[in-house]
Amino acid sequence: DPEPQIIAQAITAFQHTNLTRNRQLHLPIFDEIMFPAITMRGTSPIFYMIEVTASLDTAVTVGVFPEVLTIFTATSPASRGSTATG
């Protein structure tokens, strides 16, 4: 199942983006970022949109369960769209 890995990668990208904005570019950090991702199931692509928020980042960083449910969208050409929660 590739979904936990792409969610972890989205959280890492959120942290890296905000660290770069804050320390190197002296720009304000983002409260949330929507990350696209693609995985393959056999020969069919699955497209994701994963929203990472500052509260999710904090929960992961300190090792607690997030207060707000994380919802991401997964769509494949075979289906018209589906929403998954995690």
PDB file of N, CA and C in Angstrom:
ATOM      1  N   ASP A   1       0.846  -1.181   0.000  1.00  0.00           N
ATOM      2  CA  ASP A   1       0.000   0.000   0.000  1.00  0.00           C
ATOM      3  C   ASP A   1       0.892   1.245   0.000  1.00  0.00           C
ATOM      4  N   PRO A   2       0.874   2.042  -1.059  1.00  0.00           N
ATOM      5  CA  PRO A   2       1.774   3.193  -1.148  1.00  0.00           C
ATOM      6  C   PRO A   2       1.276   4.434  -0.412  1.00  0.00           C
ATOM      7  N   GLU A   3       0.033   4.442   0.034  1.00  0.00           N
ATOM      8  CA  GLU A   3      -0.529   5.667   0.610  1.00  0.00           C
ATOM      9  C   GLU A   3       0.191   6.160   1.861  1.00  0.00           C
ATOM     10  N   PRO A   4       0.531   5.308   2.835  1.00  0.00           N
ATOM     11  CA  PRO A   4       1.276   5.830   3.992  1.00  0.00           C
ATOM     12  C   PRO A   4       2.605   6.479   3.594  1.00  0.00           C
ATOM     13  N   GLN A   5       3.272   5.917   2.605  1.00  0.00           N
ATOM     14  CA  GLN A   5       4.557   6.467   2.178  1.00  0.00           C
ATOM     15  C   GLN A   5       4.393   7.837   1.528  1.00  0.00           C
ATOM     16  N   ILE A   6       3.398   7.999   0.661  1.00  0.00           N
ATOM     17  CA  ILE A   6       3.251   9.309   0.010  1.00  0.00           C
ATOM     18  C   ILE A   6       2.759  10.360   0.998  1.00  0.00           C
ATOM     19  N   ILE A   7       1.986   9.957   2.002  1.00  0.00           N
ATOM     20  CA  ILE A   7       1.572  10.910   3.035  1.00  0.00           C
ATOM     21  C   ILE A   7       2.790  11.334   3.851  1.00  0.00           C
ATOM     22  N   ALA A   8       3.641  10.385   4.215  1.00  0.00           N
ATOM     23  CA  ALA A   8       4.869  10.717   4.947  1.00  0.00           C
ATOM     24  C   ALA A   8       5.766  11.633   4.114  1.00  0.00           C
ATOM     25  N   GLN A   9       5.854  11.376   2.817  1.00  0.00           N
ATOM     26  CA  GLN A   9       6.667  12.222   1.944  1.00  0.00           C
ATOM     27  C   GLN A   9       6.077  13.625   1.826  1.00  0.00           C
ATOM     28  N   ALA A  10       4.755  13.737   1.817  1.00  0.00           N
ATOM     29  CA  ALA A  10       4.116  15.052   1.768  1.00  0.00           C
ATOM     30  C   ALA A  10       4.405  15.833   3.049  1.00  0.00           C
ATOM     31  N   ILE A  11       4.371  15.159   4.193  1.00  0.00           N
ATOM     32  CA  ILE A  11       4.683  15.825   5.464  1.00  0.00           C
ATOM     33  C   ILE A  11       6.142  16.289   5.463  1.00  0.00           C
ATOM     34  N   THR A  12       7.040  15.456   4.968  1.00  0.00           N
ATOM     35  CA  THR A  12       8.454  15.830   4.876  1.00  0.00           C
ATOM     36  C   THR A  12       8.638  17.027   3.951  1.00  0.00           C
ATOM     37  N   ALA A  13       7.942  17.043   2.827  1.00  0.00           N
ATOM     38  CA  ALA A  13       8.027  18.170   1.892  1.00  0.00           C
ATOM     39  C   ALA A  13       7.493  19.447   2.533  1.00  0.00           C
ATOM     40  N   PHE A  14       6.425  19.333   3.320  1.00  0.00           N
ATOM     41  CA  PHE A  14       5.870  20.479   4.049  1.00  0.00           C
ATOM     42  C   PHE A  14       6.928  21.047   5.001  1.00  0.00           C
ATOM     43  N   GLN A  15       7.564  20.172   5.772  1.00  0.00           N
ATOM     44  CA  GLN A  15       8.584  20.610   6.722  1.00  0.00           C
ATOM     45  C   GLN A  15       9.761  21.261   6.004  1.00  0.00           C
ATOM     46  N   HIS A  16      10.224  20.653   4.933  1.00  0.00           N
ATOM     47  CA  HIS A  16      11.366  21.191   4.184  1.00  0.00           C
ATOM     48  C   HIS A  16      11.028  22.544   3.553  1.00  0.00           C
ATOM     49  N   THR A  17       9.842  22.645   2.972  1.00  0.00           N
ATOM     50  CA  THR A  17       9.419  23.900   2.346  1.00  0.00           C
ATOM     51  C   THR A  17       9.372  25.027   3.367  1.00  0.00           C
ATOM     52  N   ASN A  18       8.760  24.773   4.516  1.00  0.00           N
ATOM     53  CA  ASN A  18       8.656  25.819   5.532  1.00  0.00           C
ATOM     54  C   ASN A  18      10.006  26.166   6.142  1.00  0.00           C
ATOM     55  N   LEU A  19      10.866  25.186   6.319  1.00  0.00           N
ATOM     56  CA  LEU A  19      12.207  25.453   6.841  1.00  0.00           C
ATOM     57  C   LEU A  19      12.993  26.333   5.872  1.00  0.00           C
ATOM     58  N   THR A  20      12.911  26.020   4.587  1.00  0.00           N
ATOM     59  CA  THR A  20      13.598  26.815   3.567  1.00  0.00           C
ATOM     60  C   THR A  20      13.034  28.223   3.501  1.00  0.00           C
ATOM     61  N   ARG A  21      11.708  28.344   3.517  1.00  0.00           N
ATOM     62  CA  ARG A  21      11.083  29.672   3.465  1.00  0.00           C
ATOM     63  C   ARG A  21      11.502  30.517   4.664  1.00  0.00           C
ATOM     64  N   ASN A  22      11.536  29.908   5.836  1.00  0.00           N
ATOM     65  CA  ASN A  22      11.819  30.645   7.060  1.00  0.00           C
ATOM     66  C   ASN A  22      13.296  31.003   7.183  1.00  0.00           C
ATOM     67  N   ARG A  23      14.177  30.028   7.052  1.00  0.00           N
ATOM     68  CA  ARG A  23      15.600  30.245   7.349  1.00  0.00           C
ATOM     69  C   ARG A  23      16.402  30.830   6.196  1.00  0.00           C
ATOM     70  N   GLN A  24      16.092  30.440   4.974  1.00  0.00           N
ATOM     71  CA  GLN A  24      16.910  30.887   3.849  1.00  0.00           C
ATOM     72  C   GLN A  24      16.292  32.051   3.087  1.00  0.00           C
ATOM     73  N   LEU A  25      14.985  32.024   2.924  1.00  0.00           N
ATOM     74  CA  LEU A  25      14.329  33.055   2.118  1.00  0.00           C
ATOM     75  C   LEU A  25      13.710  34.164   2.955  1.00  0.00           C
ATOM     76  N   HIS A  26      13.644  33.956   4.268  1.00  0.00           N
ATOM     77  CA  HIS A  26      13.060  34.927   5.201  1.00  0.00           C
ATOM     78  C   HIS A  26      11.630  35.302   4.809  1.00  0.00           C
ATOM     79  N   LEU A  27      10.888  34.277   4.427  1.00  0.00           N
ATOM     80  CA  LEU A  27       9.480  34.436   4.075  1.00  0.00           C
ATOM     81  C   LEU A  27       8.627  33.769   5.143  1.00  0.00           C
ATOM     82  N   PRO A  28       7.362  34.174   5.255  1.00  0.00           N
ATOM     83  CA  PRO A  28       6.495  33.506   6.237  1.00  0.00           C
ATOM     84  C   PRO A  28       6.239  32.052   5.838  1.00  0.00           C
ATOM     85  N   ILE A  29       6.032  31.220   6.842  1.00  0.00           N
ATOM     86  CA  ILE A  29       5.764  29.808   6.563  1.00  0.00           C
ATOM     87  C   ILE A  29       4.300  29.624   6.186  1.00  0.00           C
ATOM     88  N   PHE A  30       4.011  28.518   5.536  1.00  0.00           N
ATOM     89  CA  PHE A  30       2.650  28.180   5.143  1.00  0.00           C
ATOM     90  C   PHE A  30       1.943  27.453   6.284  1.00  0.00           C
ATOM     91  N   ASP A  31       0.657  27.715   6.452  1.00  0.00           N
ATOM     92  CA  ASP A  31      -0.158  26.977   7.421  1.00  0.00           C
ATOM     93  C   ASP A  31      -0.630  25.655   6.834  1.00  0.00           C
ATOM     94  N   GLU A  32      -0.737  25.613   5.522  1.00  0.00           N
ATOM     95  CA  GLU A  32      -1.151  24.380   4.845  1.00  0.00           C
ATOM     96  C   GLU A  32      -0.642  24.398   3.407  1.00  0.00           C
ATOM     97  N   ILE A  33      -0.372  23.209   2.898  1.00  0.00           N
ATOM     98  CA  ILE A  33       0.058  23.051   1.507  1.00  0.00           C
ATOM     99  C   ILE A  33      -0.634  21.811   0.951  1.00  0.00           C
ATOM    100  N   MET A  34      -1.121  21.903  -0.273  1.00  0.00           N
ATOM    101  CA  MET A  34      -1.731  20.777  -0.970  1.00  0.00           C
ATOM    102  C   MET A  34      -0.677  20.191  -1.917  1.00  0.00           C
ATOM    103  N   PHE A  35      -0.352  18.915  -1.713  1.00  0.00           N
ATOM    104  CA  PHE A  35       0.669  18.249  -2.519  1.00  0.00           C
ATOM    105  C   PHE A  35       0.030  17.235  -3.462  1.00  0.00           C
ATOM    106  N   PRO A  36       0.401  17.273  -4.747  1.00  0.00           N
ATOM    107  CA  PRO A  36      -0.037  16.224  -5.668  1.00  0.00           C
ATOM    108  C   PRO A  36       0.914  15.030  -5.582  1.00  0.00           C
ATOM    109  N   ALA A  37       0.399  13.857  -5.868  1.00  0.00           N
ATOM    110  CA  ALA A  37       1.226  12.644  -5.900  1.00  0.00           C
ATOM    111  C   ALA A  37       0.616  11.671  -6.903  1.00  0.00           C
ATOM    112  N   ILE A  38       1.443  10.790  -7.422  1.00  0.00           N
ATOM    113  CA  ILE A  38       0.991   9.758  -8.361  1.00  0.00           C
ATOM    114  C   ILE A  38       1.612   8.432  -7.940  1.00  0.00           C
ATOM    115  N   THR A  39       0.790   7.384  -7.902  1.00  0.00           N
ATOM    116  CA  THR A  39       1.291   6.020  -7.714  1.00  0.00           C
ATOM    117  C   THR A  39       0.718   5.172  -8.845  1.00  0.00           C
ATOM    118  N   MET A  40       1.178   3.953  -8.916  1.00  0.00           N
ATOM    119  CA  MET A  40       0.680   3.035  -9.939  1.00  0.00           C
ATOM    120  C   MET A  40       0.074   1.806  -9.283  1.00  0.00           C
ATOM    121  N   ARG A  41      -1.052   1.372  -9.789  1.00  0.00           N
ATOM    122  CA  ARG A  41      -1.649   0.088  -9.420  1.00  0.00           C
ATOM    123  C   ARG A  41      -1.678  -0.728 -10.705  1.00  0.00           C
ATOM    124  N   GLY A  42      -0.722  -1.640 -10.812  1.00  0.00           N
ATOM    125  CA  GLY A  42      -0.566  -2.351 -12.079  1.00  0.00           C
ATOM    126  C   GLY A  42      -0.094  -1.369 -13.129  1.00  0.00           C
ATOM    127  N   THR A  43      -0.905  -1.200 -14.176  1.00  0.00           N
ATOM    128  CA  THR A  43      -0.565  -0.237 -15.226  1.00  0.00           C
ATOM    129  C   THR A  43      -1.416   1.019 -15.154  1.00  0.00           C
ATOM    130  N   SER A  44      -2.229   1.144 -14.101  1.00  0.00           N
ATOM    131  CA  SER A  44      -3.116   2.301 -13.958  1.00  0.00           C
ATOM    132  C   SER A  44      -2.556   3.300 -12.954  1.00  0.00           C
ATOM    133  N   PRO A  45      -2.496   4.571 -13.333  1.00  0.00           N
ATOM    134  CA  PRO A  45      -2.036   5.577 -12.381  1.00  0.00           C
ATOM    135  C   PRO A  45      -3.146   5.930 -11.390  1.00  0.00           C
ATOM    136  N   ILE A  46      -2.735   6.283 -10.197  1.00  0.00           N
ATOM    137  CA  ILE A  46      -3.652   6.804  -9.188  1.00  0.00           C
ATOM    138  C   ILE A  46      -3.119   8.176  -8.803  1.00  0.00           C
ATOM    139  N   PHE A  47      -3.966   9.187  -8.911  1.00  0.00           N
ATOM    140  CA  PHE A  47      -3.583  10.564  -8.630  1.00  0.00           C
ATOM    141  C   PHE A  47      -4.117  10.961  -7.258  1.00  0.00           C
ATOM    142  N   TYR A  48      -3.277  11.615  -6.467  1.00  0.00           N
ATOM    143  CA  TYR A  48      -3.642  12.018  -5.111  1.00  0.00           C
ATOM    144  C   TYR A  48      -3.476  13.521  -4.946  1.00  0.00           C
ATOM    145  N   MET A  49      -4.283  14.086  -4.062  1.00  0.00           N
ATOM    146  CA  MET A  49      -4.083  15.434  -3.553  1.00  0.00           C
ATOM    147  C   MET A  49      -4.069  15.297  -2.034  1.00  0.00           C
ATOM    148  N   ILE A  50      -2.947  15.642  -1.421  1.00  0.00           N
ATOM    149  CA  ILE A  50      -2.754  15.458   0.011  1.00  0.00           C
ATOM    150  C   ILE A  50      -2.553  16.826   0.649  1.00  0.00           C
ATOM    151  N   GLU A  51      -3.452  17.196   1.546  1.00  0.00           N
ATOM    152  CA  GLU A  51      -3.330  18.465   2.253  1.00  0.00           C
ATOM    153  C   GLU A  51      -2.593  18.234   3.564  1.00  0.00           C
ATOM    154  N   VAL A  52      -1.479  18.925   3.720  1.00  0.00           N
ATOM    155  CA  VAL A  52      -0.711  18.859   4.958  1.00  0.00           C
ATOM    156  C   VAL A  52      -0.866  20.199   5.662  1.00  0.00           C
ATOM    157  N   THR A  53      -1.266  20.152   6.919  1.00  0.00           N
ATOM    158  CA  THR A  53      -1.469  21.363   7.708  1.00  0.00           C
ATOM    159  C   THR A  53      -0.402  21.473   8.792  1.00  0.00           C
ATOM    160  N   ALA A  54      -0.283  22.669   9.347  1.00  0.00           N
ATOM    161  CA  ALA A  54       0.670  22.881  10.437  1.00  0.00           C
ATOM    162  C   ALA A  54       0.313  22.019  11.640  1.00  0.00           C
ATOM    163  N   SER A  55      -0.978  21.819  11.899  1.00  0.00           N
ATOM    164  CA  SER A  55      -1.368  20.993  13.050  1.00  0.00           C
ATOM    165  C   SER A  55      -0.993  19.525  12.826  1.00  0.00           C
ATOM    166  N   LEU A  56      -1.113  19.019  11.600  1.00  0.00           N
ATOM    167  CA  LEU A  56      -0.675  17.654  11.303  1.00  0.00           C
ATOM    168  C   LEU A  56       0.838  17.542  11.467  1.00  0.00           C
ATOM    169  N   ASP A  57       1.569  18.526  10.970  1.00  0.00           N
ATOM    170  CA  ASP A  57       3.022  18.531  11.104  1.00  0.00           C
ATOM    171  C   ASP A  57       3.432  18.506  12.576  1.00  0.00           C
ATOM    172  N   THR A  58       2.791  19.319  13.386  1.00  0.00           N
ATOM    173  CA  THR A  58       3.103  19.357  14.817  1.00  0.00           C
ATOM    174  C   THR A  58       2.806  18.021  15.477  1.00  0.00           C
ATOM    175  N   ALA A  59       1.667  17.434  15.153  1.00  0.00           N
ATOM    176  CA  ALA A  59       1.295  16.141  15.739  1.00  0.00           C
ATOM    177  C   ALA A  59       2.319  15.068  15.392  1.00  0.00           C
ATOM    178  N   VAL A  60       2.755  15.039  14.142  1.00  0.00           N
ATOM    179  CA  VAL A  60       3.745  14.048  13.719  1.00  0.00           C
ATOM    180  C   VAL A  60       5.090  14.314  14.406  1.00  0.00           C
ATOM    181  N   THR A  61       5.464  15.573  14.498  1.00  0.00           N
ATOM    182  CA  THR A  61       6.749  15.937  15.095  1.00  0.00           C
ATOM    183  C   THR A  61       6.839  15.534  16.564  1.00  0.00           C
ATOM    184  N   VAL A  62       5.757  15.755  17.319  1.00  0.00           N
ATOM    185  CA  VAL A  62       5.793  15.437  18.755  1.00  0.00           C
ATOM    186  C   VAL A  62       5.290  14.032  19.054  1.00  0.00           C
ATOM    187  N   GLY A  63       4.799  13.331  18.046  1.00  0.00           N
ATOM    188  CA  GLY A  63       4.401  11.933  18.214  1.00  0.00           C
ATOM    189  C   GLY A  63       3.061  11.721  18.878  1.00  0.00           C
ATOM    190  N   VAL A  64       2.102  12.604  18.583  1.00  0.00           N
ATOM    191  CA  VAL A  64       0.755  12.439  19.124  1.00  0.00           C
ATOM    192  C   VAL A  64      -0.237  12.275  17.975  1.00  0.00           C
ATOM    193  N   PHE A  65      -1.418  11.773  18.298  1.00  0.00           N
ATOM    194  CA  PHE A  65      -2.465  11.609  17.292  1.00  0.00           C
ATOM    195  C   PHE A  65      -2.981  12.990  16.896  1.00  0.00           C
ATOM    196  N   PRO A  66      -3.149  13.268  15.600  1.00  0.00           N
ATOM    197  CA  PRO A  66      -3.640  14.584  15.171  1.00  0.00           C
ATOM    198  C   PRO A  66      -5.047  14.858  15.698  1.00  0.00           C
ATOM    199  N   GLU A  67      -5.300  16.104  16.068  1.00  0.00           N
ATOM    200  CA  GLU A  67      -6.619  16.490  16.561  1.00  0.00           C
ATOM    201  C   GLU A  67      -7.646  16.529  15.437  1.00  0.00           C
ATOM    202  N   VAL A  68      -7.189  16.834  14.234  1.00  0.00           N
ATOM    203  CA  VAL A  68      -8.078  16.960  13.084  1.00  0.00           C
ATOM    204  C   VAL A  68      -7.796  15.813  12.117  1.00  0.00           C
ATOM    205  N   LEU A  69      -8.848  15.210  11.604  1.00  0.00           N
ATOM    206  CA  LEU A  69      -8.725  14.117  10.651  1.00  0.00           C
ATOM    207  C   LEU A  69      -8.085  14.617   9.360  1.00  0.00           C
ATOM    208  N   THR A  70      -7.155  13.865   8.825  1.00  0.00           N
ATOM    209  CA  THR A  70      -6.511  14.203   7.561  1.00  0.00           C
ATOM    210  C   THR A  70      -7.261  13.514   6.430  1.00  0.00           C
ATOM    211  N   ILE A  71      -7.686  14.292   5.451  1.00  0.00           N
ATOM    212  CA  ILE A  71      -8.431  13.756   4.315  1.00  0.00           C
ATOM    213  C   ILE A  71      -7.621  14.011   3.053  1.00  0.00           C
ATOM    214  N   PHE A  72      -7.506  12.985   2.225  1.00  0.00           N
ATOM    215  CA  PHE A  72      -6.846  13.160   0.943  1.00  0.00           C
ATOM    216  C   PHE A  72      -7.733  12.577  -0.143  1.00  0.00           C
ATOM    217  N   THR A  73      -7.552  13.066  -1.352  1.00  0.00           N
ATOM    218  CA  THR A  73      -8.350  12.622  -2.484  1.00  0.00           C
ATOM    219  C   THR A  73      -7.503  11.733  -3.380  1.00  0.00           C
ATOM    220  N   ALA A  74      -8.089  10.615  -3.804  1.00  0.00           N
ATOM    221  CA  ALA A  74      -7.422   9.702  -4.735  1.00  0.00           C
ATOM    222  C   ALA A  74      -8.345   9.473  -5.919  1.00  0.00           C
ATOM    223  N   THR A  75      -7.804   9.632  -7.124  1.00  0.00           N
ATOM    224  CA  THR A  75      -8.585   9.455  -8.341  1.00  0.00           C
ATOM    225  C   THR A  75      -7.780   8.628  -9.335  1.00  0.00           C
ATOM    226  N   SER A  76      -8.454   7.709  -9.998  1.00  0.00           N
ATOM    227  CA  SER A  76      -7.803   6.954 -11.064  1.00  0.00           C
ATOM    228  C   SER A  76      -8.684   7.025 -12.303  1.00  0.00           C
ATOM    229  N   PRO A  77      -8.109   6.829 -13.482  1.00  0.00           N
ATOM    230  CA  PRO A  77      -8.911   6.876 -14.701  1.00  0.00           C
ATOM    231  C   PRO A  77     -10.056   5.861 -14.699  1.00  0.00           C
ATOM    232  N   ALA A  78      -9.890   4.752 -13.985  1.00  0.00           N
ATOM    233  CA  ALA A  78     -10.939   3.733 -13.946  1.00  0.00           C
ATOM    234  C   ALA A  78     -12.127   4.160 -13.092  1.00  0.00           C
ATOM    235  N   SER A  79     -11.877   5.046 -12.120  1.00  0.00           N
ATOM    236  CA  SER A  79     -12.972   5.513 -11.270  1.00  0.00           C
ATOM    237  C   SER A  79     -13.155   7.006 -11.476  1.00  0.00           C
ATOM    238  N   ARG A  80     -14.316   7.477 -11.144  1.00  0.00           N
ATOM    239  CA  ARG A  80     -14.605   8.900 -11.304  1.00  0.00           C
ATOM    240  C   ARG A  80     -14.048   9.725 -10.154  1.00  0.00           C
ATOM    241  N   GLY A  81     -13.606   9.077  -9.102  1.00  0.00           N
ATOM    242  CA  GLY A  81     -13.037   9.788  -7.961  1.00  0.00           C
ATOM    243  C   GLY A  81     -13.493   9.158  -6.676  1.00  0.00           C
ATOM    244  N   SER A  82     -12.649   9.211  -5.706  1.00  0.00           N
ATOM    245  CA  SER A  82     -12.988   8.701  -4.393  1.00  0.00           C
ATOM    246  C   SER A  82     -12.238   9.511  -3.363  1.00  0.00           C
ATOM    247  N   THR A  83     -12.751   9.517  -2.163  1.00  0.00           N
ATOM    248  CA  THR A  83     -12.106  10.223  -1.077  1.00  0.00           C
ATOM    249  C   THR A  83     -11.762   9.220  -0.004  1.00  0.00           C
ATOM    250  N   ALA A  84     -10.562   9.308   0.485  1.00  0.00           N
ATOM    251  CA  ALA A  84     -10.126   8.419   1.559  1.00  0.00           C
ATOM    252  C   ALA A  84      -9.749   9.262   2.762  1.00  0.00           C
ATOM    253  N   THR A  85      -9.867   8.691   3.933  1.00  0.00           N
ATOM    254  CA  THR A  85      -9.467   9.385   5.146  1.00  0.00           C
ATOM    255  C   THR A  85      -8.401   8.581   5.845  1.00  0.00           C
ATOM    256  N   GLY A  86      -7.580   9.272   6.566  1.00  0.00           N
ATOM    257  CA  GLY A  86      -6.520   8.580   7.279  1.00  0.00           C
ATOM    258  C   GLY A  86      -6.043   9.360   8.451  1.00  0.00           C
TER     259      GLY A  86
END
